[in-house]
């Protein structure tokens, strides 16, 4: 058997190319992920379409249904990745045993990092790992990793509740965006670290803003200046939402963004190199060819009868 991993990462002419991630978006996984994201957007946004006078009672009723929808769709993304790799005869990247093992290791690392900040001022070191892993391992792998990591961390910290499926979606989108950043093959060094630090800071604030959206519509009547008013136009509700974010969560979102950016700039280089080295050694998507052992052809020739003249 000839394993192409010794040549994996080298383009024609000796130039080094970026290793293939274990789960890029494909023609099967892409639509499954798009459907899952569309359901997530609807779950976050449907209260904004409530009619005037609606009595919104929170996500305690619809969160179990959302979770029940998420799990088979998330599984569909994983199955699509496996089938895409197999349908290409092993020559195209796809989830296999190595990728699943890497997914488990990184999800466990992310779940272990989350409690380190203990929610203090929003400091959550898991964000920088999710951003770097999404960058190196691709958008498809990143979304699955973000969702699984948040689920594992909720089990570890006892943070299971109606907010969990929304956290899984939001973290999946954070990792998905990191995998879609430009310059995957060419951008390296300080410029890449700055790109990831900027994205990590924006993603940390966006995560908090999106998570605010799943709770904000249900405080109607508590504080008129920041409360959602069912039936009001977006032009009236959006300023209230901005004020709600400013007064309730920005003090947590900004420290989270600052910590993510600082970690990307300081330890991002070694972590990126370790992730890329792991990907190269795992040889995701490297074609494997089977060849006869040395000397087999000579033995076969000797066994053939002499040609009759």
Protein backbone atom coordinates (compact mmCIF):
# COMPACT_ATOMS: atom_id res chain seq x y z
CA UNK A 1 0.00 0.00 0.00
CA UNK A 2 1.35 3.39 -0.94
CA UNK A 3 0.16 6.20 1.35
CA UNK A 4 0.27 9.63 -0.23
CA UNK A 5 0.62 11.38 3.11
CA UNK A 6 4.39 11.70 2.61
CA UNK A 7 3.59 14.00 -0.28
CA UNK A 8 0.46 15.50 1.29
CA UNK A 9 0.62 19.27 1.48
CA UNK A 10 3.08 19.61 -1.40
CA UNK A 11 1.94 20.96 -4.69
CA UNK A 12 3.57 20.35 -8.05
CA UNK A 13 7.02 21.83 -8.19
CA UNK A 14 7.68 21.38 -4.46
CA UNK A 15 5.53 24.27 -3.23
CA UNK A 16 3.85 23.66 0.07
CA UNK A 17 0.08 23.95 0.02
CA UNK A 18 -2.46 24.07 2.83
CA UNK A 19 -3.50 20.64 4.09
CA UNK A 20 -7.03 19.62 3.36
CA UNK A 21 -9.41 19.95 6.25
CA UNK A 22 -11.30 16.84 7.31
CA UNK A 23 -14.78 18.19 6.56
CA UNK A 24 -15.12 20.92 3.93
CA UNK A 25 -18.60 21.84 2.79
CA UNK A 26 -19.77 19.63 -0.05
CA UNK A 27 -22.84 19.14 -2.20
CA UNK A 28 -24.52 17.04 0.49
CA UNK A 29 -23.29 18.62 3.72
CA UNK A 30 -23.71 22.18 2.43
CA UNK A 31 -27.51 21.97 1.98
CA UNK A 32 -27.90 20.12 5.30
CA UNK A 33 -25.95 22.84 7.08
CA UNK A 34 -27.91 25.56 5.27
CA UNK A 35 -31.20 23.96 6.38
CA UNK A 36 -29.99 23.70 9.97
CA UNK A 37 -28.91 27.36 9.93
CA UNK A 38 -32.24 28.45 8.43
CA UNK A 39 -34.10 26.67 11.24
CA UNK A 40 -31.80 28.37 13.72
CA UNK A 41 -32.48 31.82 12.26
CA UNK A 42 -36.21 31.13 12.43
CA UNK A 43 -35.90 29.95 16.05
CA UNK A 44 -34.05 33.11 17.04
CA UNK A 45 -36.23 35.48 15.08
CA UNK A 46 -39.81 34.23 15.17
CA UNK A 47 -40.76 36.23 18.31
CA UNK A 48 -40.01 39.41 16.37
CA UNK A 49 -42.99 38.58 14.15
CA UNK A 50 -45.41 38.25 17.07
CA UNK A 51 -48.68 40.12 16.69
CA UNK A 52 -49.62 43.03 18.99
CA UNK A 53 -50.71 41.89 22.44
CA UNK A 54 -49.07 38.45 22.13
CA UNK A 55 -48.16 36.84 25.44
CA UNK A 56 -44.63 35.52 24.89
CA UNK A 57 -43.60 33.02 27.56
CA UNK A 58 -39.99 32.19 26.72
CA UNK A 59 -38.29 29.25 25.06
CA UNK A 60 -39.16 26.67 27.70
CA UNK A 61 -41.79 25.24 25.34
CA UNK A 62 -40.07 25.45 21.96
CA UNK A 63 -36.45 24.74 23.00
CA UNK A 64 -37.00 20.95 23.29
CA UNK A 65 -38.48 20.93 19.79
CA UNK A 66 -35.56 22.94 18.45
CA UNK A 67 -33.12 20.56 20.11
CA UNK A 68 -35.01 17.60 18.67
CA UNK A 69 -34.71 19.14 15.20
CA UNK A 70 -31.04 20.06 15.63
CA UNK A 71 -29.73 16.64 16.56
CA UNK A 72 -30.86 14.73 13.43
CA UNK A 73 -29.79 17.63 11.20
CA UNK A 74 -26.40 17.82 12.88
CA UNK A 75 -26.12 14.07 12.43
CA UNK A 76 -27.11 14.56 8.78
CA UNK A 77 -24.18 16.96 8.33
CA UNK A 78 -21.82 14.34 9.79
CA UNK A 79 -23.27 11.51 7.66
CA UNK A 80 -23.03 13.72 4.57
CA UNK A 81 -19.35 14.34 5.28
CA UNK A 82 -18.72 10.61 5.61
CA UNK A 83 -20.60 9.79 2.42
CA UNK A 84 -18.83 12.54 0.47
CA UNK A 85 -15.46 11.11 1.42
CA UNK A 86 -16.49 7.56 0.50
CA UNK A 87 -18.21 8.50 -2.75
CA UNK A 88 -14.95 10.00 -3.95
CA UNK A 89 -13.23 6.67 -3.40
CA UNK A 90 -11.21 7.96 -0.46
CA UNK A 91 -9.54 10.64 -2.55
CA UNK A 92 -11.59 13.56 -1.23
CA UNK A 93 -11.62 14.81 2.34
CA UNK A 94 -14.40 13.52 4.52
CA UNK A 95 -15.12 12.54 8.08
CA UNK A 96 -13.46 9.26 8.95
CA UNK A 97 -12.19 7.65 12.14
CA UNK A 98 -9.29 10.11 12.36
CA UNK A 99 -11.53 13.12 11.92
CA UNK A 100 -14.05 11.85 14.47
CA UNK A 101 -11.21 11.28 16.96
CA UNK A 102 -9.93 14.81 16.35
CA UNK A 103 -13.46 16.15 16.78
CA UNK A 104 -13.72 14.43 20.15
CA UNK A 105 -10.34 15.73 21.36
CA UNK A 106 -11.03 19.33 20.34
CA UNK A 107 -14.59 19.27 21.71
CA UNK A 108 -13.26 17.98 25.04
CA UNK A 109 -10.58 20.70 25.06
CA UNK A 110 -13.16 23.39 24.32
CA UNK A 111 -15.50 22.08 27.01
CA UNK A 112 -12.63 22.07 29.52
CA UNK A 113 -11.61 25.63 28.64
CA UNK A 114 -15.06 27.13 29.07
CA UNK A 115 -15.31 26.81 32.89
CA UNK A 116 -11.86 28.39 33.39
CA UNK A 117 -13.34 31.87 33.19
CA UNK A 118 -16.29 30.77 35.36
CA UNK A 119 -18.33 33.46 33.62
CA UNK A 120 -16.27 36.20 35.27
CA UNK A 121 -16.80 39.39 33.26
CA UNK A 122 -17.54 37.24 30.22
CA UNK A 123 -14.03 35.76 30.04
CA UNK A 124 -14.38 32.52 28.06
CA UNK A 125 -11.07 31.19 26.71
CA UNK A 126 -12.79 28.50 24.63
CA UNK A 127 -13.64 31.10 21.96
CA UNK A 128 -10.08 31.46 20.68
CA UNK A 129 -9.69 27.67 20.30
CA UNK A 130 -12.96 27.43 18.40
CA UNK A 131 -11.90 30.23 16.04
CA UNK A 132 -8.47 28.69 15.35
CA UNK A 133 -9.90 25.19 14.90
CA UNK A 134 -12.53 26.46 12.50
CA UNK A 135 -9.85 28.30 10.52
CA UNK A 136 -7.60 25.26 10.11
CA UNK A 137 -10.13 22.45 9.85
CA UNK A 138 -12.77 24.03 7.64
CA UNK A 139 -16.29 25.39 7.81
CA UNK A 140 -18.12 22.05 7.92
CA UNK A 141 -15.92 20.56 10.62
CA UNK A 142 -16.01 23.88 12.46
CA UNK A 143 -19.79 24.03 12.72
CA UNK A 144 -20.00 20.48 14.06
CA UNK A 145 -17.12 21.17 16.47
CA UNK A 146 -18.68 24.36 17.83
CA UNK A 147 -22.05 22.72 18.43
CA UNK A 148 -20.61 19.59 20.03
CA UNK A 149 -18.21 21.60 22.21
CA UNK A 150 -21.01 23.76 23.58
CA UNK A 151 -23.14 20.68 24.27
CA UNK A 152 -20.24 18.96 26.08
CA UNK A 153 -19.47 22.07 28.13
CA UNK A 154 -23.12 22.33 29.18
CA UNK A 155 -23.01 18.76 30.45
CA UNK A 156 -19.73 19.49 32.24
CA UNK A 157 -20.91 22.69 33.94
CA UNK A 158 -24.56 21.80 34.47
CA UNK A 159 -25.65 24.53 32.08
CA UNK A 160 -28.41 22.53 30.42
CA UNK A 161 -31.55 24.56 29.82
CA UNK A 162 -33.77 26.13 27.17
CA UNK A 163 -30.82 28.25 26.03
CA UNK A 164 -28.61 25.25 25.14
CA UNK A 165 -29.75 24.65 21.51
CA UNK A 166 -29.35 28.37 20.86
CA UNK A 167 -25.83 28.33 22.30
CA UNK A 168 -24.98 25.33 20.12
CA UNK A 169 -26.20 27.13 17.01
CA UNK A 170 -24.42 30.38 17.86
CA UNK A 171 -21.09 28.67 18.58
CA UNK A 172 -21.46 26.59 15.42
CA UNK A 173 -21.85 29.81 13.42
CA UNK A 174 -18.74 31.27 15.09
CA UNK A 175 -16.64 28.30 13.95
CA UNK A 176 -18.33 28.23 10.55
CA UNK A 177 -17.38 31.86 9.93
CA UNK A 178 -13.77 31.17 10.91
CA UNK A 179 -13.64 28.38 8.34
CA UNK A 180 -14.93 30.74 5.63
CA UNK A 181 -12.31 33.44 6.20
CA UNK A 182 -10.17 34.21 3.12
CA UNK A 183 -6.52 33.36 2.59
CA UNK A 184 -6.60 29.80 3.89
CA UNK A 185 -3.72 28.67 1.67
CA UNK A 186 -1.61 31.82 1.35
CA UNK A 187 -2.12 33.93 4.48
CA UNK A 188 0.34 33.08 7.25
CA UNK A 189 2.21 34.72 10.08
CA UNK A 190 1.36 38.05 11.65
CA UNK A 191 -1.27 38.97 9.06
CA UNK A 192 -3.19 35.78 9.69
CA UNK A 193 -3.00 36.31 13.45
CA UNK A 194 -4.38 39.84 13.05
CA UNK A 195 -7.18 38.53 10.82
CA UNK A 196 -8.14 35.88 13.36
CA UNK A 197 -7.87 38.30 16.28
CA UNK A 198 -10.18 40.75 14.54
CA UNK A 199 -12.64 38.04 13.58
CA UNK A 200 -12.50 36.52 17.06
CA UNK A 201 -13.30 39.86 18.68
CA UNK A 202 -16.22 40.51 16.33
CA UNK A 203 -17.50 36.95 16.70
CA UNK A 204 -17.38 37.16 20.50
CA UNK A 205 -19.53 40.30 20.48
CA UNK A 206 -21.84 38.86 17.80
CA UNK A 207 -22.29 35.69 19.87
CA UNK A 208 -23.44 37.70 22.86
CA UNK A 209 -25.73 39.82 20.68
CA UNK A 210 -27.37 36.78 19.07
CA UNK A 211 -27.82 35.12 22.45
CA UNK A 212 -29.48 38.31 23.71
CA UNK A 213 -31.98 37.94 20.91
CA UNK A 214 -33.22 34.61 22.25
CA UNK A 215 -34.09 36.17 25.62
CA UNK A 216 -34.92 39.80 24.95
CA UNK A 217 -38.46 39.39 23.50
CA UNK A 218 -39.64 37.82 26.76
CA UNK A 219 -39.03 40.79 29.08
CA UNK A 220 -41.95 42.81 27.71
CA UNK A 221 -43.57 44.98 30.37
CA UNK A 222 -40.58 44.88 32.73
CA UNK A 223 -38.80 47.99 31.45
CA UNK A 224 -40.46 49.95 28.69
CA UNK A 225 -37.27 51.66 27.47
CA UNK A 226 -35.52 48.38 26.63
CA UNK A 227 -38.37 45.89 26.33
CA UNK A 228 -39.57 44.28 23.14
CA UNK A 229 -43.03 45.41 22.13
CA UNK A 230 -44.90 42.79 20.09
CA UNK A 231 -46.30 44.22 16.90
CA UNK A 232 -44.08 47.30 16.83
CA UNK A 233 -42.04 47.84 13.64
CA UNK A 234 -38.36 46.93 13.62
CA UNK A 235 -37.47 50.60 13.43
CA UNK A 236 -38.98 50.99 16.91
CA UNK A 237 -37.79 47.70 18.42
CA UNK A 238 -34.19 47.78 17.18
CA UNK A 239 -33.20 50.86 19.24
CA UNK A 240 -34.66 49.14 22.31
CA UNK A 241 -32.66 46.02 21.51
CA UNK A 242 -29.46 48.04 21.11
CA UNK A 243 -30.08 49.69 24.47
CA UNK A 244 -30.81 46.29 26.00
CA UNK A 245 -27.47 44.92 24.74
CA UNK A 246 -25.64 48.03 25.93
CA UNK A 247 -27.05 47.89 29.44
CA UNK A 248 -27.14 44.14 30.06
CA UNK A 249 -24.42 42.25 28.17
CA UNK A 250 -21.84 44.55 26.60
CA UNK A 251 -19.85 44.49 29.83
CA UNK A 252 -19.42 40.74 29.28
CA UNK A 253 -19.12 40.75 25.50
CA UNK A 254 -16.24 43.25 25.31
CA UNK A 255 -13.96 41.41 27.80
CA UNK A 256 -14.69 38.17 25.94
CA UNK A 257 -13.75 39.86 22.67
CA UNK A 258 -10.56 41.34 24.17
CA UNK A 259 -9.47 37.99 25.64
CA UNK A 260 -10.13 36.18 22.36
CA UNK A 261 -8.11 38.74 20.39
CA UNK A 262 -5.21 38.70 22.87
CA UNK A 263 -5.04 34.89 22.88
CA UNK A 264 -5.13 34.78 19.06
CA UNK A 265 -2.22 37.22 18.92
CA UNK A 266 -0.10 35.67 21.68
CA UNK A 267 -0.61 31.89 21.51
CA UNK A 268 -2.38 31.69 18.15
CA UNK A 269 0.82 30.85 16.26
CA UNK A 270 1.75 27.69 18.23
CA UNK A 271 -1.88 26.49 18.28
CA UNK A 272 -2.27 27.00 14.53
CA UNK A 273 0.98 25.13 13.86
CA UNK A 274 -0.10 22.27 16.13
CA UNK A 275 -3.48 21.99 14.42
CA UNK A 276 -1.94 22.09 10.94
CA UNK A 277 0.69 19.55 11.91
CA UNK A 278 -2.04 17.24 13.21
CA UNK A 279 -3.99 17.67 9.98
CA UNK A 280 -0.92 16.89 7.85
CA UNK A 281 -0.05 13.80 9.86
CA UNK A 282 -3.63 12.58 9.78
CA UNK A 283 -3.50 13.09 5.99
CA UNK A 284 -7.19 13.92 5.66
CA UNK A 285 -8.20 13.24 2.11
CA UNK A 286 -4.80 11.88 1.05
CA UNK A 287 -5.35 9.25 -1.64
CA UNK A 288 -4.24 5.74 -0.75
CA UNK A 289 -3.11 3.42 -3.54
CA UNK A 290 -2.50 -0.31 -3.22
CA UNK A 291 0.57 -1.68 -4.97
CA UNK A 292 2.04 -5.21 -5.02
CA UNK A 293 4.99 -5.80 -2.69
CA UNK A 294 8.48 -5.43 -4.06
CA UNK A 295 9.56 -8.39 -6.19
CA UNK A 296 6.04 -9.67 -6.67
CA UNK A 297 6.06 -8.95 -10.41
CA UNK A 298 9.31 -10.84 -10.91
CA UNK A 299 7.94 -13.89 -9.10
CA UNK A 300 4.79 -13.73 -11.20
CA UNK A 301 6.84 -13.64 -14.42
CA UNK A 302 8.86 -16.63 -13.28
CA UNK A 303 5.71 -18.64 -12.59
CA UNK A 304 4.29 -18.06 -16.08
CA UNK A 305 4.89 -20.87 -18.59
CA UNK A 306 7.37 -20.20 -21.35
CA UNK A 307 5.83 -18.96 -24.59
CA UNK A 308 5.48 -21.69 -27.17
CA UNK A 309 7.02 -20.91 -30.56
